[in-house]
Protein backbone atom coordinates (compact mmCIF):
# COMPACT_ATOMS: atom_id res chain seq x y z
CA MET A 1 13.70 -15.70 199.44
CA LEU A 2 13.30 -11.89 200.17
CA GLU A 3 10.21 -11.07 202.45
CA LYS A 4 7.40 -9.37 200.74
CA LYS A 5 6.87 -6.14 202.19
CA GLU A 6 3.47 -5.30 203.71
CA HIS A 7 2.47 -1.67 202.89
CA ALA A 8 0.36 0.55 204.93
CA TYR A 9 0.09 4.06 202.86
CA GLU A 10 3.47 5.68 203.30
CA LYS A 11 3.98 9.31 202.85
CA ALA A 12 6.47 9.94 200.17
CA VAL A 13 7.95 12.53 197.82
CA LEU A 14 9.17 12.16 194.49
CA VAL A 15 12.55 13.63 192.84
CA GLY A 16 13.39 14.18 189.42
CA LEU A 17 15.65 16.03 186.80
CA ILE A 18 15.23 18.41 183.83
CA THR A 19 18.26 17.48 181.85
CA LYS A 20 19.37 18.15 178.22
CA ASP A 21 17.77 14.53 177.49
CA GLN A 22 14.62 15.24 179.50
CA ASP A 23 12.73 18.21 179.21
CA GLU A 24 10.23 19.79 181.55
CA GLU A 25 7.14 18.25 179.72
CA LYS A 26 8.94 14.79 179.49
CA LEU A 27 9.81 14.73 182.95
CA ARG A 28 6.30 15.70 184.08
CA GLU A 29 4.90 12.57 182.12
CA TYR A 30 7.74 10.39 183.93
CA MET A 31 6.93 11.79 187.38
CA ASP A 32 2.90 11.20 186.78
CA GLU A 33 3.95 7.53 186.14
CA LEU A 34 6.31 7.36 189.03
CA GLU A 35 3.42 8.76 191.26
CA PHE A 36 1.30 6.06 189.91
CA LEU A 37 3.94 3.30 190.62
CA ALA A 38 4.32 4.73 194.02
CA TYR A 39 0.52 4.43 194.84
CA THR A 40 0.64 0.75 193.21
CA ALA A 41 3.42 0.18 195.79
CA GLY A 42 1.33 1.45 198.41
CA ALA A 43 2.65 5.31 199.03
CA THR A 44 0.80 8.65 198.86
CA VAL A 45 2.78 11.44 197.21
CA GLU A 46 2.79 14.53 199.24
CA LYS A 47 5.29 16.70 197.00
CA ARG A 48 7.30 16.32 194.11
CA PHE A 49 10.81 18.19 193.69
CA THR A 50 12.51 18.81 190.34
CA GLN A 51 15.61 20.58 189.54
CA LYS A 52 17.38 21.72 186.14
CA MET A 53 20.64 20.20 185.70
CA SER A 54 23.05 19.40 182.86
CA GLN A 55 23.46 15.92 184.28
CA PRO A 56 22.81 14.16 187.91
CA ASP A 57 25.26 15.22 190.65
CA SER A 58 27.53 12.13 190.92
CA ARG A 59 27.28 12.48 194.73
CA THR A 60 23.55 13.02 195.55
CA PHE A 61 21.68 13.22 192.29
CA VAL A 62 20.55 16.52 192.81
CA GLY A 63 22.23 19.84 193.75
CA SER A 64 23.34 20.36 197.44
CA GLY A 65 20.78 23.17 197.68
CA LYS A 66 17.84 20.96 196.57
CA ALA A 67 19.02 18.01 198.72
CA GLU A 68 19.02 20.52 201.84
CA GLU A 69 15.11 21.74 200.58
CA ILE A 70 14.11 18.11 200.43
CA ARG A 71 15.62 17.38 203.97
CA ASN A 72 13.63 20.17 205.43
CA TYR A 73 10.41 19.43 204.00
CA ILE A 74 10.61 15.60 205.02
CA LYS A 75 11.59 16.58 208.54
CA GLU A 76 8.82 19.28 208.78
CA HIS A 77 6.17 16.59 207.40
CA GLU A 78 7.25 13.64 208.73
CA ILE A 79 8.15 12.11 205.46
CA GLY A 80 9.47 8.43 205.65
CA THR A 81 10.29 7.70 201.85
CA VAL A 82 12.10 9.62 199.13
CA ILE A 83 11.43 8.27 195.74
CA PHE A 84 14.03 9.15 192.73
CA ASP A 85 12.78 9.07 189.02
CA ASP A 86 16.20 7.43 187.75
CA GLU A 87 18.22 4.60 189.05
CA LEU A 88 20.79 5.97 191.64
CA SER A 89 24.23 4.64 191.72
CA PRO A 90 25.43 2.55 194.96
CA SER A 91 27.34 5.58 196.22
CA GLN A 92 24.60 8.32 195.50
CA LEU A 93 22.08 5.68 197.52
CA LYS A 94 24.65 5.67 200.39
CA ASN A 95 25.17 9.32 200.56
CA LEU A 96 21.33 10.25 200.21
CA GLU A 97 20.59 7.87 203.14
CA ARG A 98 23.37 9.56 205.27
CA GLU A 99 21.87 13.07 204.34
CA LEU A 100 18.35 12.59 204.64
CA GLU A 101 18.09 9.69 207.10
CA VAL A 102 14.92 8.26 205.55
CA LYS A 103 14.25 5.43 203.26
CA ILE A 104 15.56 6.06 199.57
CA LEU A 105 14.33 4.33 196.61
CA ASP A 106 14.82 4.73 192.97
CA ARG A 107 12.38 3.84 190.26
CA THR A 108 13.98 0.51 189.71
CA ASN A 109 13.49 -0.22 193.44
CA LEU A 110 9.96 0.61 193.70
CA ILE A 111 9.39 -1.42 190.39
CA LEU A 112 11.01 -4.38 191.98
CA ASP A 113 9.11 -3.97 195.46
CA ILE A 114 5.77 -3.83 193.25
CA PHE A 115 6.75 -7.14 191.41
CA ALA A 116 7.57 -8.70 194.83
CA GLN A 117 3.87 -7.83 195.87
CA ARG A 118 2.26 -8.88 192.68
CA ALA A 119 4.19 -12.24 192.23
CA GLN A 120 1.70 -15.23 193.07
CA THR A 121 3.34 -18.28 191.53
CA SER A 122 6.48 -19.91 192.77
CA TYR A 123 7.90 -19.15 189.43
CA ALA A 124 7.19 -15.39 189.34
CA ARG A 125 8.45 -15.07 192.85
CA THR A 126 11.82 -16.62 191.81
CA GLN A 127 12.03 -14.35 188.95
CA VAL A 128 11.64 -11.41 191.39
CA GLU A 129 13.74 -12.52 193.82
CA LEU A 130 16.87 -13.08 191.28
CA ALA A 131 16.31 -9.37 190.15
CA GLN A 132 16.09 -8.27 193.59
CA TYR A 133 19.60 -9.72 194.63
CA GLU A 134 21.13 -8.64 191.31
CA TYR A 135 20.03 -4.90 192.22
CA LEU A 136 21.20 -5.47 195.78
CA LEU A 137 24.63 -6.80 195.21
CA PRO A 138 26.34 -3.65 194.46
CA ARG A 139 24.50 -1.55 196.72
CA LEU A 140 25.35 -3.69 199.90
CA THR A 141 26.06 -1.67 203.26
CA ARG A 142 26.38 -2.64 206.62
CA MET A 143 22.52 -3.04 207.02
CA TRP A 144 22.91 -6.11 205.32
CA THR A 145 25.06 -7.99 207.71
CA HIS A 146 22.14 -10.17 209.04
CA LEU A 147 22.46 -12.19 205.98
CA GLU A 148 25.39 -14.12 207.29
CA ARG A 149 23.23 -15.73 209.67
CA GLN A 150 21.41 -17.75 206.84
CA ARG A 151 24.70 -19.49 206.40
CA GLY A 152 25.50 -20.24 210.04
CA GLY A 153 28.54 -17.61 210.11
CA ILE A 154 30.90 -19.83 212.15
CA GLY A 155 33.56 -21.74 209.72
CA MET A 156 32.04 -19.75 206.95
CA ARG A 157 33.86 -16.66 206.82
CA GLY A 158 37.18 -16.54 204.96
CA PRO A 159 40.77 -15.40 206.46
CA GLY A 160 40.34 -11.76 206.83
CA GLU A 161 36.98 -11.51 205.19
CA THR A 162 34.72 -8.56 206.28
CA GLU A 163 31.23 -9.13 207.14
CA ILE A 164 30.09 -7.11 203.93
CA GLU A 165 32.35 -9.56 201.74
CA THR A 166 30.75 -12.45 203.50
CA ASP A 167 27.30 -11.05 202.53
CA ARG A 168 28.06 -10.30 199.02
CA ARG A 169 29.36 -13.89 198.80
CA ILE A 170 26.06 -15.20 200.11
CA ILE A 171 24.04 -13.13 197.82
CA ARG A 172 26.17 -14.53 194.98
CA ASP A 173 25.51 -18.11 196.08
CA ARG A 174 21.86 -17.19 196.26
CA ILE A 175 21.93 -15.69 192.68
CA SER A 176 23.66 -18.89 191.46
CA LEU A 177 21.18 -21.19 192.99
CA LEU A 178 18.15 -18.95 191.64
CA LYS A 179 19.61 -19.02 188.15
CA GLU A 180 19.85 -22.72 188.55
CA LYS A 181 16.19 -23.05 189.63
CA LEU A 182 15.12 -20.98 186.72
CA LYS A 183 16.92 -22.86 184.37
CA THR A 184 15.14 -25.95 185.27
CA ILE A 185 11.67 -24.07 185.37
CA ASP A 186 12.57 -22.83 181.84
CA LYS A 187 12.70 -26.24 180.40
CA GLN A 188 9.60 -27.60 181.94
CA MET A 189 7.90 -24.25 180.46
CA SER A 190 9.60 -24.98 177.27
CA THR A 191 8.26 -28.53 177.13
CA GLN A 192 4.64 -27.25 178.21
CA ARG A 193 4.62 -24.97 174.89
CA GLN A 194 5.76 -27.63 172.81
CA ASN A 195 2.85 -29.88 174.43
CA ARG A 196 0.40 -27.56 173.18
CA GLY A 197 0.21 -28.86 169.99
CA LYS A 198 0.34 -26.86 166.76
CA MET A 199 -2.51 -24.49 167.68
CA VAL A 200 -1.84 -21.00 166.60
CA ARG A 201 -0.53 -19.05 169.41
CA VAL A 202 -1.42 -15.31 170.07
CA ALA A 203 0.11 -13.24 172.78
CA LEU A 204 -1.34 -10.08 174.14
CA VAL A 205 1.53 -7.31 174.68
CA GLY A 206 1.45 -3.78 175.58
CA TYR A 207 2.52 -1.03 177.99
CA THR A 208 1.32 -1.80 181.72
CA ASN A 209 -2.38 -0.76 182.57
CA VAL A 210 -3.64 -0.56 178.99
CA GLY A 211 -6.24 -3.26 179.56
CA LYS A 212 -4.62 -6.64 178.31
CA SER A 213 -6.23 -8.47 180.98
CA THR A 214 -9.76 -7.09 180.54
CA LEU A 215 -9.60 -7.72 176.84
CA MET A 216 -8.29 -11.49 177.74
CA ASN A 217 -11.32 -11.88 179.96
CA SER A 218 -13.66 -10.81 177.33
CA LEU A 219 -12.32 -12.90 174.50
CA SER A 220 -11.58 -16.03 176.69
CA LYS A 221 -14.65 -15.59 178.92
CA SER A 222 -12.36 -16.24 181.91
CA GLU A 223 -11.73 -14.47 185.04
CA VAL A 224 -8.15 -13.26 184.62
CA PHE A 225 -7.14 -10.78 187.38
CA ALA A 226 -7.44 -7.14 186.18
CA GLU A 227 -7.11 -4.08 188.14
CA ASN A 228 -6.37 -0.33 187.60
CA LYS A 229 -2.74 -0.57 188.86
CA LEU A 230 0.60 -1.23 187.20
CA PHE A 231 1.66 -4.53 186.88
CA ALA A 232 -1.48 -6.40 187.93
CA THR A 233 -0.45 -9.18 185.69
CA LEU A 234 2.93 -10.64 186.22
CA ASP A 235 2.20 -14.49 185.74
CA THR A 236 1.69 -15.31 182.17
CA THR A 237 -2.10 -16.87 181.59
CA VAL A 238 -2.64 -19.01 178.71
CA ARG A 239 -6.32 -19.60 177.47
CA LYS A 240 -8.02 -21.47 174.45
CA VAL A 241 -10.24 -18.75 172.52
CA VAL A 242 -12.48 -19.90 169.86
CA ILE A 243 -13.55 -17.11 167.28
CA GLY A 244 -16.13 -18.34 164.57
CA ASN A 245 -15.20 -21.95 165.01
CA LEU A 246 -11.54 -21.41 164.99
CA PRO A 247 -9.50 -22.35 167.96
CA PHE A 248 -6.49 -20.84 169.28
CA LEU A 249 -4.42 -20.09 172.20
CA LEU A 250 -4.41 -16.59 173.86
CA THR A 251 -1.46 -15.70 176.22
CA ASP A 252 -1.56 -12.55 178.77
CA THR A 253 1.70 -11.36 179.36
CA VAL A 254 3.48 -9.01 182.03
CA GLY A 255 3.10 -5.24 181.05
CA PHE A 256 6.17 -3.26 179.79
CA ILE A 257 7.14 0.08 181.06
CA ARG A 258 9.60 2.78 180.11
CA LYS A 259 12.96 2.60 181.98
CA LEU A 260 12.21 -1.03 182.72
CA PRO A 261 14.96 -2.51 184.82
CA THR A 262 17.43 -4.62 183.02
CA GLN A 263 17.21 -7.10 185.94
CA LEU A 264 13.60 -7.80 185.23
CA VAL A 265 14.20 -8.06 181.57
CA GLU A 266 16.73 -10.92 182.20
CA SER A 267 14.57 -12.45 185.17
CA PHE A 268 11.40 -12.49 183.20
CA LYS A 269 13.05 -14.12 180.18
CA SER A 270 10.64 -17.23 180.06
CA THR A 271 7.75 -15.06 180.52
CA LEU A 272 9.01 -13.09 177.50
CA ASP A 273 9.46 -16.51 175.74
CA GLU A 274 5.62 -16.56 175.47
CA VAL A 275 5.98 -13.59 173.23
CA ARG A 276 8.80 -14.76 171.18
CA GLU A 277 7.38 -17.95 170.37
CA ALA A 278 3.89 -16.48 169.56
CA ASP A 279 2.57 -16.83 165.92
CA LEU A 280 0.92 -13.58 166.41
CA LEU A 281 0.92 -10.36 168.43
CA ILE A 282 -1.80 -8.21 169.60
CA HIS A 283 -0.42 -4.98 170.54
CA VAL A 284 -2.75 -3.41 173.01
CA VAL A 285 -2.67 0.58 173.47
CA ASP A 286 -4.17 3.03 176.02
CA ILE A 287 -5.07 5.50 173.37
CA SER A 288 -6.66 7.50 176.18
CA HIS A 289 -3.35 8.16 177.91
CA GLU A 290 -1.45 11.49 176.65
CA SER A 291 1.80 9.48 176.21
CA PHE A 292 0.42 6.62 174.23
CA GLU A 293 2.71 7.25 171.45
CA ASP A 294 5.81 6.77 173.66
CA HIS A 295 4.40 3.80 174.95
CA ILE A 296 4.26 2.12 171.61
CA ASP A 297 7.87 3.08 171.10
CA SER A 298 8.81 1.48 174.68
CA VAL A 299 7.08 -1.71 173.84
CA ASN A 300 8.49 -1.70 170.14
CA GLN A 301 11.90 -1.35 171.72
CA ILE A 302 11.54 -4.29 174.13
CA LEU A 303 10.19 -6.44 171.45
CA MET A 304 13.19 -5.59 169.14
CA GLU A 305 15.46 -6.53 172.22
CA ILE A 306 13.84 -9.76 172.48
CA ASN A 307 13.83 -10.49 168.52
CA ALA A 308 9.93 -10.54 168.39
CA HIS A 309 9.67 -7.28 166.40
CA GLN A 310 9.17 -9.17 163.12
CA LYS A 311 6.23 -11.07 164.16
CA PRO A 312 2.83 -10.39 162.48
CA MET A 313 0.86 -8.01 164.54
CA ILE A 314 -2.49 -6.27 165.05
CA MET A 315 -2.64 -3.06 166.54
CA VAL A 316 -5.60 -2.62 169.09
CA PHE A 317 -6.01 0.95 170.43
CA ASN A 318 -8.10 0.17 173.75
CA LYS A 319 -10.15 2.64 176.00
CA ILE A 320 -11.78 4.71 173.20
CA ASP A 321 -14.43 5.10 176.01
CA ALA A 322 -12.08 7.24 177.95
CA PHE A 323 -10.61 9.34 175.36
CA ALA A 324 -11.03 13.06 175.55
CA TYR A 325 -9.48 15.98 173.75
CA GLU A 326 -10.02 19.87 174.03
CA LYS A 327 -11.53 21.13 171.07
CA LYS A 328 -9.99 24.64 169.86
CA ASP A 329 -12.20 27.68 169.36
CA GLU A 330 -12.26 28.55 165.47
CA ASP A 331 -10.75 32.36 166.48
CA ASP A 332 -8.09 30.36 168.22
CA LEU A 333 -4.82 31.15 166.54
CA THR A 334 -2.36 29.27 168.71
CA PRO A 335 -0.61 26.17 167.53
CA SER A 336 -2.30 22.77 168.01
CA THR A 337 -1.01 20.47 170.33
CA ARG A 338 -1.80 16.71 170.82
CA LYS A 339 -4.41 17.54 173.38
CA ASN A 340 -6.35 19.37 170.59
CA ILE A 341 -6.54 16.21 168.43
CA SER A 342 -9.69 14.15 168.13
CA LEU A 343 -10.04 10.43 167.69
CA ASP A 344 -11.17 10.93 164.12
CA GLU A 345 -8.03 12.97 163.36
CA TRP A 346 -5.75 10.41 165.12
CA LYS A 347 -6.92 7.79 162.72
CA LYS A 348 -6.09 9.76 159.88
CA THR A 349 -2.27 10.30 160.93
CA TRP A 350 0.44 7.55 160.69
CA MET A 351 -2.38 5.11 162.20
CA ALA A 352 -3.93 5.18 158.50
CA LYS A 353 -0.74 4.11 157.03
CA SER A 354 0.28 1.36 159.62
CA LYS A 355 1.27 -1.98 158.20
CA HIS A 356 -0.61 -3.66 160.66
CA PRO A 357 -4.26 -4.21 160.90
CA THR A 358 -5.52 -1.63 163.16
CA VAL A 359 -8.89 -1.38 165.31
CA PHE A 360 -9.89 0.96 168.03
CA ILE A 361 -11.91 -0.67 170.75
CA SER A 362 -13.29 -0.44 174.25
CA ALA A 363 -12.69 -3.50 176.17
CA LEU A 364 -14.88 -2.06 178.77
CA THR A 365 -18.02 -1.57 176.70
CA LYS A 366 -17.04 -3.87 173.97
CA GLU A 367 -17.59 -1.22 171.33
CA ASN A 368 -16.17 -2.32 167.75
CA PHE A 369 -15.58 -5.88 169.21
CA PRO A 370 -17.17 -7.60 166.22
CA GLU A 371 -14.67 -5.73 164.13
CA MET A 372 -11.72 -6.71 166.23
CA LYS A 373 -12.61 -10.32 166.34
CA LYS A 374 -13.05 -10.55 162.59
CA MET A 375 -9.60 -9.02 162.33
CA ILE A 376 -8.06 -11.72 164.75
CA TYR A 377 -10.03 -14.56 163.14
CA ASP A 378 -8.69 -13.35 159.67
CA GLU A 379 -5.00 -13.24 160.96
CA VAL A 380 -5.25 -16.46 162.77
CA HIS A 381 -6.81 -18.01 159.80
CA LYS A 382 -4.06 -17.04 157.45
CA ILE A 383 -1.46 -18.62 160.00
CA HIS A 384 -3.39 -21.67 160.21
CA ILE A 385 -4.12 -22.27 156.58
CA SER A 386 -0.19 -22.05 155.98
CA ARG A 387 0.40 -24.66 158.52
CA PHE A 388 -2.70 -26.87 157.63
CA PRO A 389 -3.87 -26.30 153.91
CA TYR A 390 -5.78 -29.41 153.81
CA ASN A 391 -8.01 -28.57 156.59
CA ASP A 392 -9.03 -24.95 155.58
CA PHE A 393 -12.68 -26.36 154.82
CA LEU A 394 -13.46 -27.08 158.49
CA PHE A 395 -13.36 -23.26 159.63
CA GLU A 396 -15.73 -20.48 159.04
CA TYR A 397 -16.58 -17.15 160.47
CA PHE A 398 -19.99 -16.63 161.69
CA GLU A 399 -20.40 -12.84 161.97
CA GLU A 400 -24.10 -13.10 162.97
CA GLU A 401 -23.24 -15.36 165.74
CA GLU A 402 -20.35 -12.81 167.00
CA GLU A 403 -22.59 -9.97 167.05
CA ALA A 404 -25.06 -11.87 169.10
């Protein structure tokens, strides 16, 4: 198992590119998110470096002049970590480490590090370790030659095999072992899902840090870990919830993110199976975030990748207590932007035409909770009576009880 890294707050700088596929505004959003990722991992960001290029430099990602500017800054301010917003190729990583002489991370490596810190159960740790090794394999350099000691070294090296080839073989063997271990756990979890009986299963999905765990706590009256950091929840949590007198199973799942590493999508297959096998999805959105529409698109893309996009869904727009907008003066003739749209105006846009039931709430203050609970009850009830038409008379929604 790769060791978890204990973080004091490290001084870091961020690096990103403006390209033909990513304009300045989009880069700023990504860099804001990258800074939040860095904070979650245990770093303070001292400065951001950006450059406009048609495409990343194949050798050092940024141009030579920008690389020199970064090198001068990190030496002058004693910066120990440089974080790039996009995934670096093995050669770019190697060249940057040689030129800047500090720790180089890319977005993928940073997310993997956060996952390693957050993984609590043996299952989550195994998933993260597999993703880490799959990321490291093509990026091995001589710094990894200590791995041979895990295999005893003597008698294990093939004729003419170099140290780095030995390390690659050790990691490939470890990857195979972890995959077998996950297969065994996957079977156990699949059996557990089957043994939950015929109760309707509801899964909370959404971008990371949108308030899924807070909503889970409110609905299930449980204490699922919730924190204002990215990826606070890695391990799937399942609770029995009763609304009115209708019981169902509610699952809190790992949050999604833009540019999610492919290694993690594969490693967390069973966690995503909870979403794939759910009867109903509750898509939670942080409407106070300026990029919430992009977040919706990112989640929908991943749902499509795991073939869960056709499931019944409720759209829950959370954090209305934190929603803010800039009201324009009547004589202001400049074009309106997304920052000038009020919550009431948002509700009249595409949201009003959504094919999914939609509700606007605050999981923190419980504003509009009775409306949301009635909506969940109605959707779960539809699924339940299609499955058990003979016992529909057993269930009734008690609105007065919910409001109390």
